[in-house]
Amino acid sequence: MSGLAIEAKFYHGQRVRSMVGLFNDGSFPNAKLDALLVEAGEPGEIVEIGTHVETGTTIYLVAFGEDRMIGCLEDEIGLIVSRPGIITSEGQEQ
């Protein structure tokens, strides 16, 4: 790792929405490999933020409901806003 700090795009406690379907990569032993865990558009909340040691990639632990904690990349989630309009994963309102 280069020692450069990577700034997180999202923060602990923020409400987010899955931008894509999230599938089991082997992290969930009680679900079949490649099983759909979270449908696109499903809401969740960021409960922890970490960094992949080898790549320096920011990983967000998102609680989807009470029973699913999923590690997500920035491009897999987007903010839920309380006002009209849709915020894309790039932070642009549509």
N, C-alpha and C. Protein backbone atom coordinates (compact mmCIF):
# COMPACT_ATOMS: atom_id res chain seq x y z
N MET A 1 0.85 -1.18 0.00
CA MET A 1 0.00 0.00 0.00
C MET A 1 0.89 1.24 0.00
N SER A 2 0.43 2.26 -0.65
CA SER A 2 1.26 3.45 -0.84
C SER A 2 1.31 4.37 0.37
N GLY A 3 0.45 4.13 1.37
CA GLY A 3 0.45 4.99 2.54
C GLY A 3 -0.50 6.18 2.39
N LEU A 4 -1.11 6.35 1.22
CA LEU A 4 -2.06 7.43 1.00
C LEU A 4 -3.40 7.07 1.63
N ALA A 5 -3.99 8.00 2.34
CA ALA A 5 -5.30 7.77 2.93
C ALA A 5 -6.36 7.87 1.84
N ILE A 6 -7.29 6.92 1.85
CA ILE A 6 -8.39 6.94 0.90
C ILE A 6 -9.61 7.46 1.64
N GLU A 7 -10.19 8.54 1.13
CA GLU A 7 -11.36 9.14 1.77
C GLU A 7 -12.61 8.36 1.43
N ALA A 8 -13.38 8.01 2.45
CA ALA A 8 -14.62 7.28 2.25
C ALA A 8 -15.68 8.21 1.65
N LYS A 9 -16.46 7.67 0.74
CA LYS A 9 -17.52 8.42 0.07
C LYS A 9 -18.78 8.49 0.95
N PHE A 10 -19.00 7.43 1.73
CA PHE A 10 -20.17 7.35 2.61
C PHE A 10 -19.69 7.27 4.05
N TYR A 11 -20.62 7.46 5.00
CA TYR A 11 -20.27 7.52 6.40
C TYR A 11 -21.13 6.58 7.24
N HIS A 12 -20.61 6.24 8.41
CA HIS A 12 -21.32 5.38 9.36
C HIS A 12 -22.70 5.97 9.66
N GLY A 13 -23.71 5.12 9.64
CA GLY A 13 -25.07 5.55 9.97
C GLY A 13 -25.89 6.04 8.79
N GLN A 14 -25.27 6.25 7.64
CA GLN A 14 -26.03 6.72 6.48
C GLN A 14 -26.93 5.62 5.94
N ARG A 15 -28.12 6.03 5.49
CA ARG A 15 -29.05 5.12 4.83
C ARG A 15 -28.66 5.06 3.37
N VAL A 16 -28.53 3.85 2.86
CA VAL A 16 -28.14 3.63 1.48
C VAL A 16 -29.08 2.63 0.83
N ARG A 17 -28.95 2.52 -0.47
CA ARG A 17 -29.75 1.58 -1.25
C ARG A 17 -28.79 0.78 -2.11
N SER A 18 -29.07 -0.51 -2.25
CA SER A 18 -28.27 -1.34 -3.15
C SER A 18 -28.53 -0.90 -4.58
N MET A 19 -27.47 -0.60 -5.31
CA MET A 19 -27.61 -0.17 -6.69
C MET A 19 -27.65 -1.36 -7.66
N VAL A 20 -27.25 -2.51 -7.17
CA VAL A 20 -27.21 -3.74 -7.96
C VAL A 20 -27.63 -4.90 -7.07
N GLY A 21 -27.96 -6.02 -7.67
CA GLY A 21 -28.19 -7.23 -6.90
C GLY A 21 -26.87 -7.68 -6.30
N LEU A 22 -26.89 -8.10 -5.04
CA LEU A 22 -25.69 -8.55 -4.35
C LEU A 22 -25.79 -10.06 -4.14
N PHE A 23 -24.78 -10.79 -4.60
CA PHE A 23 -24.80 -12.24 -4.60
C PHE A 23 -23.76 -12.81 -3.63
N ASN A 24 -24.01 -14.01 -3.13
CA ASN A 24 -23.10 -14.66 -2.20
C ASN A 24 -21.79 -15.03 -2.89
N ASP A 25 -20.70 -14.48 -2.38
CA ASP A 25 -19.37 -14.78 -2.92
C ASP A 25 -18.67 -15.85 -2.09
N GLY A 26 -19.43 -16.50 -1.22
CA GLY A 26 -18.88 -17.50 -0.33
C GLY A 26 -18.82 -17.02 1.11
N SER A 27 -19.17 -15.75 1.34
CA SER A 27 -19.12 -15.17 2.69
C SER A 27 -20.27 -15.64 3.58
N PHE A 28 -21.32 -16.16 2.97
CA PHE A 28 -22.48 -16.62 3.71
C PHE A 28 -22.58 -18.14 3.60
N PRO A 29 -22.07 -18.87 4.60
CA PRO A 29 -22.04 -20.33 4.51
C PRO A 29 -23.41 -20.99 4.49
N ASN A 30 -24.45 -20.30 4.99
CA ASN A 30 -25.80 -20.88 5.01
C ASN A 30 -26.59 -20.60 3.74
N ALA A 31 -25.96 -19.95 2.76
CA ALA A 31 -26.60 -19.67 1.47
C ALA A 31 -25.75 -20.29 0.37
N LYS A 32 -26.39 -20.70 -0.70
CA LYS A 32 -25.67 -21.27 -1.83
C LYS A 32 -24.74 -20.22 -2.45
N LEU A 33 -23.63 -20.68 -2.98
CA LEU A 33 -22.71 -19.81 -3.69
C LEU A 33 -23.45 -19.16 -4.85
N ASP A 34 -23.29 -17.88 -5.04
CA ASP A 34 -23.94 -17.07 -6.09
C ASP A 34 -25.43 -16.84 -5.86
N ALA A 35 -25.96 -17.20 -4.68
CA ALA A 35 -27.36 -16.93 -4.36
C ALA A 35 -27.57 -15.43 -4.18
N LEU A 36 -28.71 -14.92 -4.63
CA LEU A 36 -29.04 -13.50 -4.46
C LEU A 36 -29.30 -13.23 -2.98
N LEU A 37 -28.52 -12.32 -2.39
CA LEU A 37 -28.67 -11.96 -0.98
C LEU A 37 -29.46 -10.67 -0.80
N VAL A 38 -29.26 -9.72 -1.71
CA VAL A 38 -29.92 -8.41 -1.63
C VAL A 38 -30.33 -8.01 -3.05
N GLU A 39 -31.59 -7.67 -3.22
CA GLU A 39 -32.07 -7.22 -4.52
C GLU A 39 -31.68 -5.77 -4.76
N ALA A 40 -31.50 -5.40 -6.02
CA ALA A 40 -31.23 -4.01 -6.38
C ALA A 40 -32.36 -3.13 -5.85
N GLY A 41 -32.00 -2.02 -5.23
CA GLY A 41 -32.99 -1.09 -4.70
C GLY A 41 -33.32 -1.30 -3.24
N GLU A 42 -32.83 -2.37 -2.64
CA GLU A 42 -33.15 -2.65 -1.24
C GLU A 42 -32.41 -1.68 -0.31
N PRO A 43 -33.11 -1.10 0.69
CA PRO A 43 -32.48 -0.15 1.59
C PRO A 43 -31.66 -0.84 2.69
N GLY A 44 -30.65 -0.11 3.18
CA GLY A 44 -29.83 -0.60 4.27
C GLY A 44 -29.18 0.57 4.99
N GLU A 45 -28.35 0.26 5.97
CA GLU A 45 -27.65 1.30 6.74
C GLU A 45 -26.19 0.89 6.92
N ILE A 46 -25.29 1.84 6.72
CA ILE A 46 -23.86 1.58 6.90
C ILE A 46 -23.57 1.47 8.39
N VAL A 47 -23.02 0.32 8.79
CA VAL A 47 -22.73 0.09 10.20
C VAL A 47 -21.23 0.06 10.50
N GLU A 48 -20.41 -0.09 9.46
CA GLU A 48 -18.97 -0.08 9.66
C GLU A 48 -18.28 0.21 8.34
N ILE A 49 -17.10 0.82 8.41
CA ILE A 49 -16.32 1.13 7.21
C ILE A 49 -14.91 0.60 7.43
N GLY A 50 -14.42 -0.11 6.44
CA GLY A 50 -13.07 -0.66 6.54
C GLY A 50 -12.35 -0.53 5.22
N THR A 51 -11.14 -1.06 5.19
CA THR A 51 -10.31 -1.00 4.00
C THR A 51 -9.72 -2.37 3.72
N HIS A 52 -9.83 -2.81 2.48
CA HIS A 52 -9.20 -4.06 2.06
C HIS A 52 -7.70 -3.87 2.16
N VAL A 53 -7.03 -4.74 2.91
CA VAL A 53 -5.61 -4.56 3.22
C VAL A 53 -4.74 -4.54 1.97
N GLU A 54 -4.96 -5.45 1.05
CA GLU A 54 -4.08 -5.56 -0.11
C GLU A 54 -4.30 -4.48 -1.16
N THR A 55 -5.56 -4.06 -1.35
CA THR A 55 -5.85 -3.12 -2.44
C THR A 55 -6.11 -1.69 -1.98
N GLY A 56 -6.39 -1.51 -0.69
CA GLY A 56 -6.72 -0.18 -0.18
C GLY A 56 -8.14 0.25 -0.51
N THR A 57 -8.95 -0.66 -1.04
CA THR A 57 -10.33 -0.37 -1.41
C THR A 57 -11.21 -0.21 -0.18
N THR A 58 -12.04 0.82 -0.15
CA THR A 58 -12.97 1.01 0.96
C THR A 58 -14.10 -0.01 0.85
N ILE A 59 -14.38 -0.66 1.98
CA ILE A 59 -15.47 -1.64 2.07
C ILE A 59 -16.46 -1.13 3.12
N TYR A 60 -17.73 -1.12 2.77
CA TYR A 60 -18.79 -0.67 3.69
C TYR A 60 -19.58 -1.88 4.15
N LEU A 61 -19.68 -2.08 5.46
CA LEU A 61 -20.53 -3.13 6.00
C LEU A 61 -21.92 -2.52 6.14
N VAL A 62 -22.85 -3.07 5.37
CA VAL A 62 -24.21 -2.53 5.32
C VAL A 62 -25.19 -3.54 5.90
N ALA A 63 -26.04 -3.07 6.83
CA ALA A 63 -27.09 -3.91 7.39
C ALA A 63 -28.32 -3.77 6.50
N PHE A 64 -28.68 -4.87 5.86
CA PHE A 64 -29.90 -4.95 5.07
C PHE A 64 -30.88 -5.78 5.89
N GLY A 65 -31.80 -5.10 6.57
CA GLY A 65 -32.69 -5.81 7.49
C GLY A 65 -31.92 -6.20 8.74
N GLU A 66 -32.51 -7.10 9.52
CA GLU A 66 -31.90 -7.50 10.78
C GLU A 66 -30.94 -8.67 10.64
N ASP A 67 -30.99 -9.39 9.52
CA ASP A 67 -30.23 -10.63 9.42
C ASP A 67 -29.17 -10.66 8.34
N ARG A 68 -28.97 -9.56 7.62
CA ARG A 68 -27.97 -9.58 6.54
C ARG A 68 -27.02 -8.40 6.65
N MET A 69 -25.78 -8.71 6.95
CA MET A 69 -24.71 -7.72 6.98
C MET A 69 -23.82 -8.04 5.79
N ILE A 70 -23.77 -7.12 4.82
CA ILE A 70 -23.07 -7.37 3.56
C ILE A 70 -21.96 -6.35 3.38
N GLY A 71 -20.77 -6.82 3.00
CA GLY A 71 -19.68 -5.94 2.64
C GLY A 71 -19.90 -5.43 1.22
N CYS A 72 -19.94 -4.11 1.04
CA CYS A 72 -20.25 -3.50 -0.25
C CYS A 72 -19.15 -2.55 -0.69
N LEU A 73 -18.96 -2.47 -2.00
CA LEU A 73 -18.06 -1.49 -2.60
C LEU A 73 -18.85 -0.20 -2.86
N GLU A 74 -18.14 0.91 -3.05
CA GLU A 74 -18.82 2.19 -3.27
C GLU A 74 -19.78 2.18 -4.45
N ASP A 75 -19.42 1.49 -5.53
CA ASP A 75 -20.29 1.49 -6.71
C ASP A 75 -21.48 0.54 -6.58
N GLU A 76 -21.58 -0.19 -5.46
CA GLU A 76 -22.70 -1.10 -5.25
C GLU A 76 -23.81 -0.48 -4.41
N ILE A 77 -23.55 0.72 -3.83
CA ILE A 77 -24.55 1.39 -3.00
C ILE A 77 -24.68 2.85 -3.38
N GLY A 78 -25.83 3.43 -3.06
CA GLY A 78 -26.07 4.86 -3.28
C GLY A 78 -26.87 5.41 -2.12
N LEU A 79 -26.75 6.70 -1.87
CA LEU A 79 -27.45 7.34 -0.75
C LEU A 79 -28.95 7.33 -0.95
N ILE A 80 -29.66 7.18 0.15
CA ILE A 80 -31.11 7.39 0.17
C ILE A 80 -31.31 8.82 0.65
N VAL A 81 -32.04 9.60 -0.12
CA VAL A 81 -32.29 10.99 0.26
C VAL A 81 -33.73 11.14 0.69
N SER A 82 -33.98 12.11 1.58
CA SER A 82 -35.32 12.30 2.12
C SER A 82 -36.14 13.31 1.33
N ARG A 83 -35.55 13.87 0.29
CA ARG A 83 -36.28 14.84 -0.54
C ARG A 83 -36.47 14.24 -1.93
N PRO A 84 -37.37 14.82 -2.72
CA PRO A 84 -37.58 14.30 -4.07
C PRO A 84 -36.29 14.31 -4.89
N GLY A 85 -36.18 13.38 -5.80
CA GLY A 85 -35.00 13.26 -6.65
C GLY A 85 -34.23 12.00 -6.32
N ILE A 86 -33.43 11.58 -7.24
CA ILE A 86 -32.63 10.38 -7.06
C ILE A 86 -31.16 10.77 -7.11
N ILE A 87 -30.40 10.31 -6.13
CA ILE A 87 -28.97 10.57 -6.13
C ILE A 87 -28.28 9.31 -6.67
N THR A 88 -27.48 9.50 -7.70
CA THR A 88 -26.78 8.37 -8.29
C THR A 88 -25.58 8.01 -7.44
N SER A 89 -24.94 6.88 -7.75
CA SER A 89 -23.76 6.47 -6.99
C SER A 89 -22.63 7.47 -7.14
N GLU A 90 -22.68 8.34 -8.17
CA GLU A 90 -21.67 9.38 -8.36
C GLU A 90 -22.03 10.66 -7.63
N GLY A 91 -23.18 10.66 -6.91
CA GLY A 91 -23.58 11.82 -6.14
C GLY A 91 -24.33 12.86 -6.95
N GLN A 92 -24.72 12.55 -8.16
CA GLN A 92 -25.45 13.50 -9.03
C GLN A 92 -26.95 13.28 -8.90
N GLU A 93 -27.72 14.35 -8.77
CA GLU A 93 -29.17 14.23 -8.72
C GLU A 93 -29.72 14.12 -10.14
N GLN A 94 -30.68 13.23 -10.28
CA GLN A 94 -31.33 13.04 -11.60
C GLN A 94 -32.73 13.61 -11.54
